[in-house]
């Protein structure tokens, strides 16, 4: 039996703003975007061309939960093949950087946040 991760859930107040942020900064693309007759929208995005793992944006009326779904812990860990280039790209787009680039034993990484305050760790593995 195989098991794999499909989506992580991010609570949002505006689907289009959320998609724009992740598309502009992390180059994600839409996998699925459908609105039901009742007005409920399902927006799923992926990272990279081959991988189907990604984010499912869910609109929430609970403002206090947006950006705090994980109690202050990181919400996402994203891998990159070029940490310095990604860091500069996010800085150029005025994304909030929480911790600068750090090099550890087998990785280089930094911490940033999305437009809702969700913490994201961007990692370049030495073997990437």
N, C-alpha and C. Protein backbone atom coordinates (compact mmCIF):
# COMPACT_ATOMS: atom_id res chain seq x y z
N UNK A 1 0.85 -1.19 0.00
CA UNK A 1 0.00 0.00 0.00
C UNK A 1 0.89 1.24 0.00
N UNK A 2 0.57 2.17 -0.88
CA UNK A 2 1.28 3.45 -0.93
C UNK A 2 0.39 4.55 -0.38
N UNK A 3 1.02 5.47 0.34
CA UNK A 3 0.32 6.64 0.86
C UNK A 3 1.16 7.86 0.51
N UNK A 4 0.51 8.93 0.06
CA UNK A 4 1.24 10.15 -0.24
C UNK A 4 0.42 11.36 0.16
N UNK A 5 1.10 12.44 0.40
CA UNK A 5 0.44 13.70 0.76
C UNK A 5 -0.13 14.34 -0.50
N UNK A 6 -1.35 14.82 -0.40
CA UNK A 6 -1.99 15.49 -1.53
C UNK A 6 -1.98 17.00 -1.33
N UNK A 7 -2.62 17.50 -0.28
CA UNK A 7 -2.72 18.93 -0.04
C UNK A 7 -2.58 19.25 1.45
N UNK A 8 -2.03 20.41 1.71
CA UNK A 8 -2.09 21.03 3.02
C UNK A 8 -3.17 22.11 2.90
N UNK A 9 -3.88 22.38 3.97
CA UNK A 9 -4.96 23.36 3.95
C UNK A 9 -4.46 24.69 4.50
N UNK A 10 -4.75 25.75 3.76
CA UNK A 10 -4.46 27.11 4.21
C UNK A 10 -5.79 27.87 4.24
N UNK A 11 -6.11 28.44 5.40
CA UNK A 11 -7.32 29.25 5.53
C UNK A 11 -7.06 30.64 4.95
N UNK A 12 -8.01 31.12 4.16
CA UNK A 12 -7.86 32.42 3.49
C UNK A 12 -9.15 33.22 3.61
N UNK A 13 -9.07 34.50 3.33
CA UNK A 13 -10.29 35.31 3.26
C UNK A 13 -10.59 35.73 1.83
N UNK A 14 -9.62 35.49 0.93
CA UNK A 14 -9.80 35.85 -0.47
C UNK A 14 -9.01 34.87 -1.33
N UNK A 15 -9.70 34.05 -2.08
CA UNK A 15 -9.04 33.02 -2.90
C UNK A 15 -8.06 33.63 -3.90
N UNK A 16 -8.48 34.69 -4.57
CA UNK A 16 -7.65 35.26 -5.62
C UNK A 16 -6.39 35.91 -5.07
N UNK A 17 -6.49 36.60 -3.94
CA UNK A 17 -5.30 37.19 -3.31
C UNK A 17 -4.35 36.10 -2.86
N UNK A 18 -4.87 35.03 -2.29
CA UNK A 18 -4.02 33.93 -1.83
C UNK A 18 -3.29 33.30 -3.02
N UNK A 19 -4.05 33.03 -4.08
CA UNK A 19 -3.42 32.43 -5.26
C UNK A 19 -2.36 33.36 -5.84
N UNK A 20 -2.68 34.63 -5.95
CA UNK A 20 -1.72 35.60 -6.51
C UNK A 20 -0.42 35.60 -5.71
N UNK A 21 -0.53 35.58 -4.37
CA UNK A 21 0.67 35.58 -3.53
C UNK A 21 1.52 34.34 -3.79
N UNK A 22 0.91 33.16 -3.75
CA UNK A 22 1.67 31.93 -3.92
C UNK A 22 2.18 31.75 -5.35
N UNK A 23 1.41 32.19 -6.32
CA UNK A 23 1.85 32.11 -7.70
C UNK A 23 3.04 33.05 -7.95
N UNK A 24 2.93 34.27 -7.52
CA UNK A 24 3.96 35.28 -7.74
C UNK A 24 5.25 34.94 -7.01
N UNK A 25 5.14 34.41 -5.81
CA UNK A 25 6.33 34.21 -4.98
C UNK A 25 6.90 32.80 -5.02
N UNK A 26 6.06 31.80 -5.21
CA UNK A 26 6.53 30.42 -5.18
C UNK A 26 6.18 29.65 -6.46
N UNK A 27 5.67 30.37 -7.47
CA UNK A 27 5.45 29.83 -8.80
C UNK A 27 4.48 28.66 -8.84
N UNK A 28 3.54 28.63 -7.92
CA UNK A 28 2.55 27.55 -7.93
C UNK A 28 1.57 27.77 -9.07
N UNK A 29 0.86 26.72 -9.44
CA UNK A 29 -0.16 26.81 -10.48
C UNK A 29 -1.41 26.08 -10.02
N UNK A 30 -2.51 26.40 -10.63
CA UNK A 30 -3.79 25.80 -10.24
C UNK A 30 -3.88 24.36 -10.74
N UNK A 31 -4.34 23.49 -9.85
CA UNK A 31 -4.67 22.11 -10.21
C UNK A 31 -6.18 22.03 -10.45
N UNK A 32 -6.92 22.69 -9.57
CA UNK A 32 -8.37 22.59 -9.60
C UNK A 32 -8.95 23.90 -9.09
N UNK A 33 -9.90 24.45 -9.80
CA UNK A 33 -10.57 25.69 -9.39
C UNK A 33 -12.01 25.60 -9.85
N UNK A 34 -12.88 25.31 -8.92
CA UNK A 34 -14.30 25.09 -9.25
C UNK A 34 -15.17 25.74 -8.18
N UNK A 35 -16.26 26.35 -8.61
CA UNK A 35 -17.24 26.91 -7.68
C UNK A 35 -18.55 26.15 -7.86
N UNK A 36 -19.09 25.68 -6.74
CA UNK A 36 -20.34 24.92 -6.79
C UNK A 36 -21.53 25.85 -7.01
N UNK A 37 -22.67 25.27 -7.31
CA UNK A 37 -23.90 26.06 -7.50
C UNK A 37 -24.26 26.82 -6.22
N UNK A 38 -23.84 26.29 -5.06
CA UNK A 38 -24.09 26.95 -3.78
C UNK A 38 -23.09 28.06 -3.48
N UNK A 39 -22.10 28.23 -4.35
CA UNK A 39 -21.13 29.30 -4.16
C UNK A 39 -19.87 28.89 -3.43
N UNK A 40 -19.71 27.63 -3.09
CA UNK A 40 -18.49 27.18 -2.42
C UNK A 40 -17.40 26.94 -3.46
N UNK A 41 -16.25 27.55 -3.24
CA UNK A 41 -15.15 27.43 -4.20
C UNK A 41 -14.11 26.45 -3.69
N UNK A 42 -13.59 25.65 -4.60
CA UNK A 42 -12.51 24.72 -4.31
C UNK A 42 -11.33 25.13 -5.16
N UNK A 43 -10.26 25.61 -4.52
CA UNK A 43 -9.07 26.05 -5.23
C UNK A 43 -7.87 25.29 -4.70
N UNK A 44 -7.28 24.44 -5.55
CA UNK A 44 -6.11 23.65 -5.20
C UNK A 44 -4.96 24.11 -6.09
N UNK A 45 -3.78 24.28 -5.50
CA UNK A 45 -2.60 24.68 -6.25
C UNK A 45 -1.47 23.69 -5.99
N UNK A 46 -0.53 23.63 -6.93
CA UNK A 46 0.61 22.74 -6.80
C UNK A 46 1.90 23.52 -7.00
N UNK A 47 2.98 22.91 -6.56
CA UNK A 47 4.32 23.48 -6.73
C UNK A 47 5.08 22.60 -7.70
N UNK A 48 5.69 23.19 -8.69
CA UNK A 48 6.45 22.42 -9.66
C UNK A 48 5.55 21.84 -10.74
N UNK A 49 6.19 21.34 -11.78
CA UNK A 49 5.43 20.82 -12.92
C UNK A 49 4.95 19.40 -12.73
N UNK A 50 5.77 18.55 -12.13
CA UNK A 50 5.45 17.13 -12.03
C UNK A 50 4.69 16.79 -10.76
N UNK A 51 5.02 17.45 -9.67
CA UNK A 51 4.45 17.11 -8.37
C UNK A 51 3.01 17.60 -8.27
N UNK A 52 2.14 16.79 -7.76
CA UNK A 52 0.74 17.17 -7.55
C UNK A 52 0.46 17.57 -6.11
N UNK A 53 1.48 17.53 -5.25
CA UNK A 53 1.33 17.94 -3.87
C UNK A 53 1.20 19.46 -3.82
N UNK A 54 0.32 19.96 -2.97
CA UNK A 54 0.15 21.40 -2.93
C UNK A 54 -0.72 21.89 -1.79
N UNK A 55 -1.45 22.94 -2.06
CA UNK A 55 -2.27 23.62 -1.06
C UNK A 55 -3.72 23.62 -1.52
N UNK A 56 -4.60 23.44 -0.57
CA UNK A 56 -6.03 23.61 -0.78
C UNK A 56 -6.42 24.84 0.02
N UNK A 57 -6.78 25.91 -0.67
CA UNK A 57 -7.23 27.13 0.01
C UNK A 57 -8.69 26.95 0.42
N UNK A 58 -8.99 27.28 1.66
CA UNK A 58 -10.36 27.22 2.17
C UNK A 58 -10.70 28.58 2.77
N UNK A 59 -11.79 29.15 2.29
CA UNK A 59 -12.23 30.45 2.80
C UNK A 59 -12.82 30.27 4.19
N UNK A 60 -12.37 31.12 5.10
CA UNK A 60 -12.82 31.04 6.48
C UNK A 60 -13.31 32.40 6.95
N UNK A 61 -14.35 32.38 7.74
CA UNK A 61 -14.85 33.60 8.35
C UNK A 61 -14.17 33.86 9.70
N UNK A 62 -13.39 32.92 10.17
CA UNK A 62 -12.72 33.03 11.46
C UNK A 62 -11.36 33.69 11.28
N UNK A 63 -11.35 35.01 11.31
CA UNK A 63 -10.13 35.78 11.09
C UNK A 63 -9.01 35.41 12.06
N UNK A 64 -9.36 35.05 13.29
CA UNK A 64 -8.34 34.74 14.29
C UNK A 64 -7.57 33.45 13.97
N UNK A 65 -8.12 32.59 13.12
CA UNK A 65 -7.43 31.35 12.75
C UNK A 65 -6.51 31.53 11.55
N UNK A 66 -6.78 32.51 10.71
CA UNK A 66 -5.95 32.73 9.53
C UNK A 66 -4.56 33.18 9.97
N UNK A 67 -3.57 32.48 9.48
CA UNK A 67 -2.18 32.78 9.84
C UNK A 67 -1.78 32.18 11.17
N UNK A 68 -2.70 31.51 11.84
CA UNK A 68 -2.39 30.93 13.15
C UNK A 68 -2.93 29.51 13.25
N UNK A 69 -3.01 28.82 12.15
CA UNK A 69 -3.54 27.46 12.12
C UNK A 69 -2.68 26.48 12.90
N UNK A 70 -1.39 26.79 13.00
CA UNK A 70 -0.47 25.85 13.64
C UNK A 70 0.07 26.37 14.97
N UNK A 71 -0.63 27.32 15.54
CA UNK A 71 -0.22 27.83 16.85
C UNK A 71 1.14 28.49 16.86
N UNK A 72 1.51 29.14 15.77
CA UNK A 72 2.80 29.84 15.69
C UNK A 72 3.93 29.00 15.12
N UNK A 73 3.69 27.73 14.89
CA UNK A 73 4.70 26.86 14.28
C UNK A 73 4.62 27.00 12.75
N UNK A 74 5.67 26.59 12.04
CA UNK A 74 5.62 26.68 10.58
C UNK A 74 4.44 25.91 10.00
N UNK A 75 3.83 26.50 9.00
CA UNK A 75 2.69 25.90 8.32
C UNK A 75 3.15 25.04 7.14
N UNK A 76 4.17 25.51 6.44
CA UNK A 76 4.67 24.81 5.26
C UNK A 76 6.19 24.78 5.27
N UNK A 77 6.74 23.73 4.69
CA UNK A 77 8.16 23.66 4.36
C UNK A 77 8.21 23.46 2.85
N UNK A 78 8.88 24.36 2.16
CA UNK A 78 9.01 24.28 0.71
C UNK A 78 10.47 24.04 0.35
N UNK A 79 10.71 23.15 -0.61
CA UNK A 79 12.06 22.89 -1.09
C UNK A 79 12.34 23.73 -2.33
N UNK A 80 13.58 24.17 -2.45
CA UNK A 80 14.03 24.91 -3.62
C UNK A 80 15.38 24.37 -4.06
N UNK A 81 15.69 24.56 -5.32
CA UNK A 81 17.01 24.18 -5.83
C UNK A 81 18.01 25.32 -5.69
N UNK A 82 17.52 26.53 -5.33
CA UNK A 82 18.41 27.69 -5.21
C UNK A 82 17.87 28.62 -4.12
N UNK A 83 18.33 28.39 -2.92
CA UNK A 83 17.83 29.15 -1.75
C UNK A 83 18.12 30.65 -1.88
N UNK A 84 19.33 31.00 -2.31
CA UNK A 84 19.70 32.41 -2.41
C UNK A 84 18.84 33.13 -3.45
N UNK A 85 18.60 32.49 -4.57
CA UNK A 85 17.78 33.10 -5.62
C UNK A 85 16.33 33.27 -5.14
N UNK A 86 15.80 32.26 -4.46
CA UNK A 86 14.43 32.34 -3.93
C UNK A 86 14.34 33.45 -2.88
N UNK A 87 15.33 33.53 -2.00
CA UNK A 87 15.38 34.56 -0.97
C UNK A 87 15.33 35.95 -1.61
N UNK A 88 16.16 36.16 -2.62
CA UNK A 88 16.20 37.46 -3.30
C UNK A 88 14.87 37.76 -3.99
N UNK A 89 14.28 36.74 -4.63
CA UNK A 89 12.99 36.91 -5.30
C UNK A 89 11.92 37.36 -4.30
N UNK A 90 11.89 36.74 -3.13
CA UNK A 90 10.90 37.11 -2.12
C UNK A 90 11.17 38.50 -1.57
N UNK A 91 12.44 38.83 -1.36
CA UNK A 91 12.77 40.19 -0.91
C UNK A 91 12.32 41.22 -1.94
N UNK A 92 12.56 40.94 -3.22
CA UNK A 92 12.16 41.86 -4.28
C UNK A 92 10.65 42.06 -4.32
N UNK A 93 9.90 41.05 -3.86
CA UNK A 93 8.43 41.13 -3.83
C UNK A 93 7.90 41.58 -2.47
N UNK A 94 8.78 42.06 -1.61
CA UNK A 94 8.41 42.57 -0.28
C UNK A 94 7.73 41.55 0.61
N UNK A 95 8.09 40.28 0.45
CA UNK A 95 7.60 39.24 1.35
C UNK A 95 8.35 39.38 2.67
N UNK A 96 7.65 39.23 3.77
CA UNK A 96 8.27 39.35 5.09
C UNK A 96 9.19 38.16 5.34
N UNK A 97 10.47 38.47 5.57
CA UNK A 97 11.46 37.46 5.92
C UNK A 97 11.55 37.45 7.45
N UNK A 98 11.34 36.31 8.05
CA UNK A 98 11.37 36.19 9.50
C UNK A 98 12.75 35.83 10.04
N UNK A 99 13.48 35.01 9.29
CA UNK A 99 14.85 34.63 9.66
C UNK A 99 15.67 34.56 8.38
N UNK A 100 16.86 35.16 8.37
CA UNK A 100 17.68 35.18 7.15
C UNK A 100 18.22 33.79 6.80
N UNK A 101 18.86 33.72 5.66
CA UNK A 101 19.44 32.45 5.20
C UNK A 101 20.44 31.92 6.22
N UNK A 102 20.31 30.65 6.52
CA UNK A 102 21.19 29.94 7.45
C UNK A 102 21.65 28.65 6.77
N UNK A 103 22.89 28.30 7.01
CA UNK A 103 23.40 27.04 6.49
C UNK A 103 23.62 26.09 7.65
N UNK A 104 23.08 24.89 7.51
CA UNK A 104 23.23 23.85 8.52
C UNK A 104 23.99 22.69 7.89
N UNK A 105 24.04 21.58 8.57
CA UNK A 105 24.81 20.43 8.12
C UNK A 105 24.47 19.98 6.71
N UNK A 106 23.20 19.76 6.41
CA UNK A 106 22.79 19.25 5.10
C UNK A 106 21.83 20.15 4.34
N UNK A 107 21.72 21.41 4.76
CA UNK A 107 20.75 22.28 4.10
C UNK A 107 21.08 23.75 4.29
N UNK A 108 20.45 24.55 3.45
CA UNK A 108 20.43 26.00 3.58
C UNK A 108 18.96 26.38 3.60
N UNK A 109 18.58 27.30 4.47
CA UNK A 109 17.16 27.61 4.62
C UNK A 109 16.95 29.01 5.16
N UNK A 110 15.72 29.49 5.03
CA UNK A 110 15.29 30.74 5.65
C UNK A 110 13.81 30.63 5.98
N UNK A 111 13.33 31.52 6.82
CA UNK A 111 11.93 31.55 7.22
C UNK A 111 11.29 32.84 6.71
N UNK A 112 10.07 32.71 6.21
CA UNK A 112 9.31 33.86 5.75
C UNK A 112 7.85 33.64 6.14
N UNK A 113 6.99 34.55 5.71
CA UNK A 113 5.56 34.35 5.99
C UNK A 113 4.73 34.76 4.79
N UNK A 114 3.55 34.15 4.71
CA UNK A 114 2.65 34.50 3.60
C UNK A 114 1.83 35.73 3.97
N UNK A 115 0.90 36.09 3.12
CA UNK A 115 0.12 37.31 3.34
C UNK A 115 -0.79 37.23 4.55
N UNK A 116 -1.02 36.02 5.09
CA UNK A 116 -1.87 35.85 6.28
C UNK A 116 -1.04 35.71 7.56
N UNK A 117 0.27 35.61 7.41
CA UNK A 117 1.13 35.44 8.58
C UNK A 117 1.53 33.99 8.83
N UNK A 118 1.15 33.07 7.94
CA UNK A 118 1.59 31.69 8.07
C UNK A 118 3.10 31.63 7.87
N UNK A 119 3.79 30.93 8.77
CA UNK A 119 5.23 30.79 8.66
C UNK A 119 5.57 29.71 7.65
N UNK A 120 6.54 30.02 6.80
CA UNK A 120 7.00 29.10 5.76
C UNK A 120 8.52 28.98 5.89
N UNK A 121 9.01 27.76 5.84
CA UNK A 121 10.45 27.53 5.79
C UNK A 121 10.79 27.11 4.37
N UNK A 122 11.74 27.79 3.78
CA UNK A 122 12.20 27.47 2.43
C UNK A 122 13.58 26.83 2.58
N UNK A 123 13.72 25.62 2.04
CA UNK A 123 14.92 24.80 2.27
C UNK A 123 15.55 24.37 0.95
N UNK A 124 16.87 24.48 0.90
CA UNK A 124 17.64 23.87 -0.17
C UNK A 124 18.47 22.76 0.46
N UNK A 125 18.15 21.53 0.11
CA UNK A 125 18.89 20.38 0.63
C UNK A 125 20.21 20.27 -0.11
N UNK A 126 21.24 19.85 0.57
CA UNK A 126 22.55 19.70 -0.05
C UNK A 126 22.51 18.73 -1.20
N UNK A 127 21.61 17.75 -1.15
CA UNK A 127 21.52 16.73 -2.18
C UNK A 127 20.53 17.10 -3.28
N UNK A 128 19.88 18.24 -3.21
CA UNK A 128 18.80 18.62 -4.11
C UNK A 128 19.25 18.65 -5.55
